[in-house]
């Protein structure tokens, strides 16, 4: 008795192997964990039957990569790392970049209160990619929420009205409204973004330590050079 072939679900190991086949240069140890955690997160979403790629998710991926890879050396390796990351989960890096850039451009021209009002009455709403993406979330029978989607949404708020994300008193009510309209767990969204902001702070501190260490090493080398030049032969 013959059975039809069933497509084998890709494993995390498959995606990692694919990534390191595409990006063959070693990754700085400080950043390797960042890259692999992002890869695993993207992989698990890519094999989830309820997950569908959308531009807000793409913005979350691009933002996470850029924020947590800040200061990476050599800098010229970053584009290839990002390309390999997307391709390892069967994604198109150019589509990710294009959609992320488009989301930011739209966000800069967006008033958040107006957007929320439009989303409450989608039939009377806007006609851009951001609005369409959010309406798709509202109408999705099984929308697969992800931390990367939350980061994309947070980035949109930051680009549209920076003052909103700076003050907790403004930020939390707005996120609560988005959660209600998009049928998301407000608690989960807020928690994911709290962790994200905390990790950004830790990364900033780590970069400062690295910069200080590099500066100290540079001064030490300069001092040794000066000592060599002033030491009588």
C-alpha atoms as a PDB file:
ATOM      1  CA  UNK A   1       0.000   0.000   0.000  1.00  0.00           C
ATOM      2  CA  UNK A   2       1.451   3.391  -1.035  1.00  0.00           C
ATOM      3  CA  UNK A   3       1.076   6.590   0.868  1.00  0.00           C
ATOM      4  CA  UNK A   4       1.637  10.060  -0.553  1.00  0.00           C
ATOM      5  CA  UNK A   5       4.920  11.650   0.386  1.00  0.00           C
ATOM      6  CA  UNK A   6       4.858  14.040   3.310  1.00  0.00           C
ATOM      7  CA  UNK A   7       7.134  17.071   3.277  1.00  0.00           C
ATOM      8  CA  UNK A   8       9.649  16.808   6.047  1.00  0.00           C
ATOM      9  CA  UNK A   9       9.420  19.683   8.503  1.00  0.00           C
ATOM     10  CA  UNK A  10      12.709  21.529   8.724  1.00  0.00           C
ATOM     11  CA  UNK A  11      14.419  21.404  12.100  1.00  0.00           C
ATOM     12  CA  UNK A  12      16.355  24.095  13.945  1.00  0.00           C
ATOM     13  CA  UNK A  13      19.512  22.174  13.049  1.00  0.00           C
ATOM     14  CA  UNK A  14      18.568  22.353   9.360  1.00  0.00           C
ATOM     15  CA  UNK A  15      18.188  26.126   9.542  1.00  0.00           C
ATOM     16  CA  UNK A  16      21.443  26.564  11.465  1.00  0.00           C
ATOM     17  CA  UNK A  17      23.298  24.385   8.972  1.00  0.00           C
ATOM     18  CA  UNK A  18      21.805  26.405   6.121  1.00  0.00           C
ATOM     19  CA  UNK A  19      22.808  29.668   7.802  1.00  0.00           C
ATOM     20  CA  UNK A  20      26.429  28.664   8.365  1.00  0.00           C
ATOM     21  CA  UNK A  21      26.645  27.328   4.812  1.00  0.00           C
ATOM     22  CA  UNK A  22      25.633  30.752   3.520  1.00  0.00           C
ATOM     23  CA  UNK A  23      27.691  32.792   5.985  1.00  0.00           C
ATOM     24  CA  UNK A  24      31.058  31.088   6.306  1.00  0.00           C
ATOM     25  CA  UNK A  25      33.027  33.766   8.131  1.00  0.00           C
ATOM     26  CA  UNK A  26      33.264  33.430  11.937  1.00  0.00           C
ATOM     27  CA  UNK A  27      30.855  35.573  13.945  1.00  0.00           C
ATOM     28  CA  UNK A  28      32.185  37.623  16.834  1.00  0.00           C
ATOM     29  CA  UNK A  29      31.382  35.659  20.008  1.00  0.00           C
ATOM     30  CA  UNK A  30      29.548  38.568  21.658  1.00  0.00           C
ATOM     31  CA  UNK A  31      27.057  38.610  18.787  1.00  0.00           C
ATOM     32  CA  UNK A  32      26.818  34.905  17.945  1.00  0.00           C
ATOM     33  CA  UNK A  33      24.174  34.353  20.602  1.00  0.00           C
ATOM     34  CA  UNK A  34      22.125  37.274  19.240  1.00  0.00           C
ATOM     35  CA  UNK A  35      22.202  35.832  15.717  1.00  0.00           C
ATOM     36  CA  UNK A  36      21.405  32.266  16.771  1.00  0.00           C
ATOM     37  CA  UNK A  37      18.534  33.282  19.065  1.00  0.00           C
ATOM     38  CA  UNK A  38      17.009  35.343  16.264  1.00  0.00           C
ATOM     39  CA  UNK A  39      17.499  32.460  13.836  1.00  0.00           C
ATOM     40  CA  UNK A  40      15.788  29.982  16.175  1.00  0.00           C
ATOM     41  CA  UNK A  41      12.874  32.369  16.745  1.00  0.00           C
ATOM     42  CA  UNK A  42      12.400  32.927  13.009  1.00  0.00           C
ATOM     43  CA  UNK A  43      12.711  29.190  12.330  1.00  0.00           C
ATOM     44  CA  UNK A  44      10.062  28.205  14.883  1.00  0.00           C
ATOM     45  CA  UNK A  45       7.657  30.723  13.380  1.00  0.00           C
ATOM     46  CA  UNK A  46       8.391  29.604   9.817  1.00  0.00           C
ATOM     47  CA  UNK A  47       7.337  26.018  10.570  1.00  0.00           C
ATOM     48  CA  UNK A  48       4.210  27.013  12.531  1.00  0.00           C
ATOM     49  CA  UNK A  49       1.081  26.396  10.447  1.00  0.00           C
ATOM     50  CA  UNK A  50      -0.653  29.493  11.844  1.00  0.00           C
ATOM     51  CA  UNK A  51       2.214  31.851  11.039  1.00  0.00           C
ATOM     52  CA  UNK A  52       2.061  34.121   8.018  1.00  0.00           C
ATOM     53  CA  UNK A  53       4.740  36.599   7.053  1.00  0.00           C
ATOM     54  CA  UNK A  54       3.659  40.228   7.259  1.00  0.00           C
ATOM     55  CA  UNK A  55       5.460  43.601   6.928  1.00  0.00           C
ATOM     56  CA  UNK A  56       5.175  44.434  10.638  1.00  0.00           C
ATOM     57  CA  UNK A  57       6.914  41.166  11.495  1.00  0.00           C
ATOM     58  CA  UNK A  58       9.565  42.026   8.872  1.00  0.00           C
ATOM     59  CA  UNK A  59      10.119  45.383  10.570  1.00  0.00           C
ATOM     60  CA  UNK A  60      10.542  43.555  13.889  1.00  0.00           C
ATOM     61  CA  UNK A  61      13.163  41.251  12.378  1.00  0.00           C
ATOM     62  CA  UNK A  62      15.111  44.090  10.738  1.00  0.00           C
ATOM     63  CA  UNK A  63      14.903  46.292  13.848  1.00  0.00           C
ATOM     64  CA  UNK A  64      16.045  43.492  16.173  1.00  0.00           C
ATOM     65  CA  UNK A  65      18.953  42.678  13.898  1.00  0.00           C
ATOM     66  CA  UNK A  66      20.077  46.297  13.523  1.00  0.00           C
ATOM     67  CA  UNK A  67      19.683  47.170  17.211  1.00  0.00           C
ATOM     68  CA  UNK A  68      21.424  44.103  18.611  1.00  0.00           C
ATOM     69  CA  UNK A  69      24.125  43.958  15.929  1.00  0.00           C
ATOM     70  CA  UNK A  70      25.089  47.590  16.454  1.00  0.00           C
ATOM     71  CA  UNK A  71      28.838  47.965  16.749  1.00  0.00           C
ATOM     72  CA  UNK A  72      29.522  44.624  15.023  1.00  0.00           C
ATOM     73  CA  UNK A  73      32.985  44.328  13.510  1.00  0.00           C
ATOM     74  CA  UNK A  74      33.772  43.899  10.705  1.00  0.00           C
ATOM     75  CA  UNK A  75      30.775  46.006   9.725  1.00  0.00           C
ATOM     76  CA  UNK A  76      30.903  44.849   6.107  1.00  0.00           C
ATOM     77  CA  UNK A  77      29.899  41.339   7.255  1.00  0.00           C
ATOM     78  CA  UNK A  78      26.516  42.492   8.588  1.00  0.00           C
ATOM     79  CA  UNK A  79      24.595  42.498   5.278  1.00  0.00           C
ATOM     80  CA  UNK A  80      25.700  38.943   4.519  1.00  0.00           C
ATOM     81  CA  UNK A  81      24.767  37.772   8.027  1.00  0.00           C
ATOM     82  CA  UNK A  82      21.284  39.257   7.606  1.00  0.00           C
ATOM     83  CA  UNK A  83      20.881  37.726   4.147  1.00  0.00           C
ATOM     84  CA  UNK A  84      21.897  34.288   5.455  1.00  0.00           C
ATOM     85  CA  UNK A  85      19.522  34.668   8.412  1.00  0.00           C
ATOM     86  CA  UNK A  86      16.495  35.264   6.185  1.00  0.00           C
ATOM     87  CA  UNK A  87      17.473  32.698   3.560  1.00  0.00           C
ATOM     88  CA  UNK A  88      18.021  30.016   6.217  1.00  0.00           C
ATOM     89  CA  UNK A  89      14.271  30.144   6.957  1.00  0.00           C
ATOM     90  CA  UNK A  90      13.360  30.345   3.251  1.00  0.00           C
ATOM     91  CA  UNK A  91      12.830  34.102   3.404  1.00  0.00           C
ATOM     92  CA  UNK A  92      13.862  36.802   0.961  1.00  0.00           C
ATOM     93  CA  UNK A  93      16.126  39.374   2.661  1.00  0.00           C
ATOM     94  CA  UNK A  94      15.307  42.040   0.062  1.00  0.00           C
ATOM     95  CA  UNK A  95      11.583  41.662   0.783  1.00  0.00           C
ATOM     96  CA  UNK A  96      12.260  41.981   4.518  1.00  0.00           C
ATOM     97  CA  UNK A  97      14.309  45.136   3.984  1.00  0.00           C
ATOM     98  CA  UNK A  98      11.845  46.674   1.527  1.00  0.00           C
ATOM     99  CA  UNK A  99       8.822  46.028   3.741  1.00  0.00           C
ATOM    100  CA  UNK A 100      10.628  47.323   6.835  1.00  0.00           C
ATOM    101  CA  UNK A 101      11.663  50.525   5.054  1.00  0.00           C
ATOM    102  CA  UNK A 102       8.127  51.017   3.766  1.00  0.00           C
ATOM    103  CA  UNK A 103       6.653  50.533   7.240  1.00  0.00           C
ATOM    104  CA  UNK A 104       8.999  53.159   8.682  1.00  0.00           C
ATOM    105  CA  UNK A 105       8.231  55.625   5.880  1.00  0.00           C
ATOM    106  CA  UNK A 106       4.486  55.225   6.465  1.00  0.00           C
ATOM    107  CA  UNK A 107       4.885  55.400  10.256  1.00  0.00           C
ATOM    108  CA  UNK A 108       6.654  58.763  10.012  1.00  0.00           C
ATOM    109  CA  UNK A 109       3.516  60.165   8.368  1.00  0.00           C
ATOM    110  CA  UNK A 110       1.078  58.456  10.744  1.00  0.00           C
ATOM    111  CA  UNK A 111      -0.893  59.866  13.652  1.00  0.00           C
ATOM    112  CA  UNK A 112      -1.425  57.029  16.120  1.00  0.00           C
ATOM    113  CA  UNK A 113      -4.796  58.240  17.436  1.00  0.00           C
ATOM    114  CA  UNK A 114      -6.105  58.521  13.867  1.00  0.00           C
ATOM    115  CA  UNK A 115      -4.780  55.055  13.049  1.00  0.00           C
ATOM    116  CA  UNK A 116      -6.525  53.550  16.069  1.00  0.00           C
ATOM    117  CA  UNK A 117      -9.794  55.228  15.072  1.00  0.00           C
ATOM    118  CA  UNK A 118      -9.483  53.879  11.535  1.00  0.00           C
ATOM    119  CA  UNK A 119      -8.803  50.373  12.805  1.00  0.00           C
ATOM    120  CA  UNK A 120     -11.989  50.470  14.860  1.00  0.00           C
ATOM    121  CA  UNK A 121     -13.891  51.111  11.618  1.00  0.00           C
ATOM    122  CA  UNK A 122     -11.763  49.386   8.943  1.00  0.00           C
ATOM    123  CA  UNK A 123     -14.336  49.957   6.183  1.00  0.00           C
ATOM    124  CA  UNK A 124     -13.827  53.706   6.576  1.00  0.00           C
ATOM    125  CA  UNK A 125     -10.077  53.448   7.132  1.00  0.00           C
ATOM    126  CA  UNK A 126      -6.871  54.117   5.246  1.00  0.00           C
ATOM    127  CA  UNK A 127      -5.280  52.557   2.219  1.00  0.00           C
ATOM    128  CA  UNK A 128      -1.594  51.983   2.923  1.00  0.00           C
ATOM    129  CA  UNK A 129       0.476  48.888   3.689  1.00  0.00           C
ATOM    130  CA  UNK A 130       0.552  49.554   7.441  1.00  0.00           C
ATOM    131  CA  UNK A 131      -3.225  49.850   7.688  1.00  0.00           C
ATOM    132  CA  UNK A 132      -3.758  46.810   5.456  1.00  0.00           C
ATOM    133  CA  UNK A 133      -1.321  44.733   7.535  1.00  0.00           C
ATOM    134  CA  UNK A 134      -3.083  45.594  10.788  1.00  0.00           C
ATOM    135  CA  UNK A 135      -6.525  44.888   9.298  1.00  0.00           C
ATOM    136  CA  UNK A 136      -5.223  41.486   8.173  1.00  0.00           C
ATOM    137  CA  UNK A 137      -4.282  40.766  11.790  1.00  0.00           C
ATOM    138  CA  UNK A 138      -7.760  41.794  12.962  1.00  0.00           C
ATOM    139  CA  UNK A 139      -9.432  39.544  10.391  1.00  0.00           C
ATOM    140  CA  UNK A 140      -7.100  36.557  10.752  1.00  0.00           C
ATOM    141  CA  UNK A 141      -8.959  33.564  12.255  1.00  0.00           C
ATOM    142  CA  UNK A 142      -5.719  32.326  13.860  1.00  0.00           C
ATOM    143  CA  UNK A 143      -3.143  35.090  13.966  1.00  0.00           C
ATOM    144  CA  UNK A 144       0.200  33.780  15.229  1.00  0.00           C
ATOM    145  CA  UNK A 145       1.486  36.468  17.577  1.00  0.00           C
ATOM    146  CA  UNK A 146       5.249  36.753  17.993  1.00  0.00           C
ATOM    147  CA  UNK A 147       7.733  38.857  19.916  1.00  0.00           C
ATOM    148  CA  UNK A 148       9.099  40.060  16.579  1.00  0.00           C
ATOM    149  CA  UNK A 149       5.653  41.324  15.581  1.00  0.00           C
ATOM    150  CA  UNK A 150       5.501  43.211  18.896  1.00  0.00           C
ATOM    151  CA  UNK A 151       8.896  44.797  18.193  1.00  0.00           C
ATOM    152  CA  UNK A 152       7.693  45.807  14.733  1.00  0.00           C
ATOM    153  CA  UNK A 153       4.602  47.448  16.220  1.00  0.00           C
ATOM    154  CA  UNK A 154       6.725  49.172  18.871  1.00  0.00           C
ATOM    155  CA  UNK A 155       9.067  50.491  16.157  1.00  0.00           C
ATOM    156  CA  UNK A 156       6.090  51.924  14.274  1.00  0.00           C
ATOM    157  CA  UNK A 157       5.006  53.794  17.416  1.00  0.00           C
ATOM    158  CA  UNK A 158       8.562  55.036  17.935  1.00  0.00           C
ATOM    159  CA  UNK A 159       8.775  56.365  14.372  1.00  0.00           C
ATOM    160  CA  UNK A 160       5.283  57.871  14.378  1.00  0.00           C
ATOM    161  CA  UNK A 161       5.337  59.623  17.749  1.00  0.00           C
ATOM    162  CA  UNK A 162       8.606  59.152  19.695  1.00  0.00           C
ATOM    163  CA  UNK A 163       7.185  60.737  22.848  1.00  0.00           C
ATOM    164  CA  UNK A 164       4.724  57.837  23.195  1.00  0.00           C
ATOM    165  CA  UNK A 165       7.365  55.205  23.883  1.00  0.00           C
ATOM    166  CA  UNK A 166       9.477  57.383  26.165  1.00  0.00           C
ATOM    167  CA  UNK A 167       6.814  57.794  28.837  1.00  0.00           C
ATOM    168  CA  UNK A 168       5.207  54.761  30.433  1.00  0.00           C
ATOM    169  CA  UNK A 169       2.013  56.721  31.159  1.00  0.00           C
ATOM    170  CA  UNK A 170       1.537  57.325  27.423  1.00  0.00           C
ATOM    171  CA  UNK A 171       2.981  54.066  26.131  1.00  0.00           C
ATOM    172  CA  UNK A 172       0.971  51.518  28.089  1.00  0.00           C
ATOM    173  CA  UNK A 173      -2.540  52.860  27.298  1.00  0.00           C
ATOM    174  CA  UNK A 174      -1.683  53.007  23.575  1.00  0.00           C
ATOM    175  CA  UNK A 175      -0.353  49.433  23.614  1.00  0.00           C
ATOM    176  CA  UNK A 176      -3.480  48.390  25.519  1.00  0.00           C
ATOM    177  CA  UNK A 177      -5.664  49.878  22.759  1.00  0.00           C
ATOM    178  CA  UNK A 178      -3.706  48.124  20.029  1.00  0.00           C
ATOM    179  CA  UNK A 179      -3.973  44.843  21.950  1.00  0.00           C
ATOM    180  CA  UNK A 180      -7.750  45.154  22.201  1.00  0.00           C
ATOM    181  CA  UNK A 181      -8.253  46.094  18.550  1.00  0.00           C
ATOM    182  CA  UNK A 182      -5.857  43.421  17.231  1.00  0.00           C
ATOM    183  CA  UNK A 183      -7.184  40.752  19.634  1.00  0.00           C
ATOM    184  CA  UNK A 184      -3.791  40.265  21.277  1.00  0.00           C
ATOM    185  CA  UNK A 185      -2.874  39.581  24.887  1.00  0.00           C
ATOM    186  CA  UNK A 186      -2.015  42.980  26.356  1.00  0.00           C
ATOM    187  CA  UNK A 187      -0.059  41.345  29.167  1.00  0.00           C
ATOM    188  CA  UNK A 188       2.046  39.315  26.716  1.00  0.00           C
ATOM    189  CA  UNK A 189       2.661  42.316  24.461  1.00  0.00           C
ATOM    190  CA  UNK A 190       3.691  44.591  27.327  1.00  0.00           C
ATOM    191  CA  UNK A 191       5.933  41.909  28.852  1.00  0.00           C
ATOM    192  CA  UNK A 192       7.697  41.168  25.549  1.00  0.00           C
ATOM    193  CA  UNK A 193       8.364  44.863  24.993  1.00  0.00           C
ATOM    194  CA  UNK A 194       9.595  45.366  28.560  1.00  0.00           C
ATOM    195  CA  UNK A 195      12.104  42.547  28.005  1.00  0.00           C
ATOM    196  CA  UNK A 196      13.061  44.042  24.629  1.00  0.00           C
ATOM    197  CA  UNK A 197      13.742  47.474  26.130  1.00  0.00           C
ATOM    198  CA  UNK A 198      15.694  45.871  28.967  1.00  0.00           C
ATOM    199  CA  UNK A 199      17.833  43.914  26.518  1.00  0.00           C
ATOM    200  CA  UNK A 200      18.522  47.078  24.519  1.00  0.00           C
ATOM    201  CA  UNK A 201      19.767  48.755  27.697  1.00  0.00           C
ATOM    202  CA  UNK A 202      22.025  45.776  28.449  1.00  0.00           C
ATOM    203  CA  UNK A 203      23.377  45.855  24.897  1.00  0.00           C
ATOM    204  CA  UNK A 204      24.133  49.570  25.205  1.00  0.00           C
ATOM    205  CA  UNK A 205      26.041  48.908  28.428  1.00  0.00           C
ATOM    206  CA  UNK A 206      27.954  46.038  26.813  1.00  0.00           C
ATOM    207  CA  UNK A 207      28.908  48.211  23.833  1.00  0.00           C
ATOM    208  CA  UNK A 208      30.168  50.875  26.231  1.00  0.00           C
ATOM    209  CA  UNK A 209      32.359  48.303  28.015  1.00  0.00           C
ATOM    210  CA  UNK A 210      33.717  47.053  24.674  1.00  0.00           C
ATOM    211  CA  UNK A 211      34.426  50.609  23.483  1.00  0.00           C
ATOM    212  CA  UNK A 212      36.198  51.456  26.750  1.00  0.00           C
ATOM    213  CA  UNK A 213      38.304  48.281  26.517  1.00  0.00           C
ATOM    214  CA  UNK A 214      39.262  49.034  22.904  1.00  0.00           C
ATOM    215  CA  UNK A 215      40.163  52.611  23.798  1.00  0.00           C
ATOM    216  CA  UNK A 216      42.296  51.441  26.739  1.00  0.00           C
ATOM    217  CA  UNK A 217      44.086  48.946  24.478  1.00  0.00           C
ATOM    218  CA  UNK A 218      44.689  51.655  21.884  1.00  0.00           C
ATOM    219  CA  UNK A 219      46.205  53.983  24.491  1.00  0.00           C
ATOM    220  CA  UNK A 220      48.396  51.167  25.781  1.00  0.00           C
ATOM    221  CA  UNK A 221      49.744  50.514  22.274  1.00  0.00           C
ATOM    222  CA  UNK A 222      50.377  54.215  21.715  1.00  0.00           C
ATOM    223  CA  UNK A 223      52.211  54.450  25.031  1.00  0.00           C
ATOM    224  CA  UNK A 224      54.435  51.494  24.123  1.00  0.00           C
ATOM    225  CA  UNK A 225      55.228  53.097  20.764  1.00  0.00           C
ATOM    226  CA  UNK A 226      56.189  56.343  22.482  1.00  0.00           C
ATOM    227  CA  UNK A 227      58.396  54.482  24.962  1.00  0.00           C
ATOM    228  CA  UNK A 228      60.167  52.729  22.075  1.00  0.00           C
ATOM    229  CA  UNK A 229      60.796  56.043  20.352  1.00  0.00           C
ATOM    230  CA  UNK A 230      62.142  57.765  23.495  1.00  0.00           C
ATOM    231  CA  UNK A 231      64.276  54.859  24.701  1.00  0.00           C
ATOM    232  CA  UNK A 232      67.946  55.526  23.811  1.00  0.00           C
ATOM    233  CA  UNK A 233      69.497  52.940  21.492  1.00  0.00           C
END
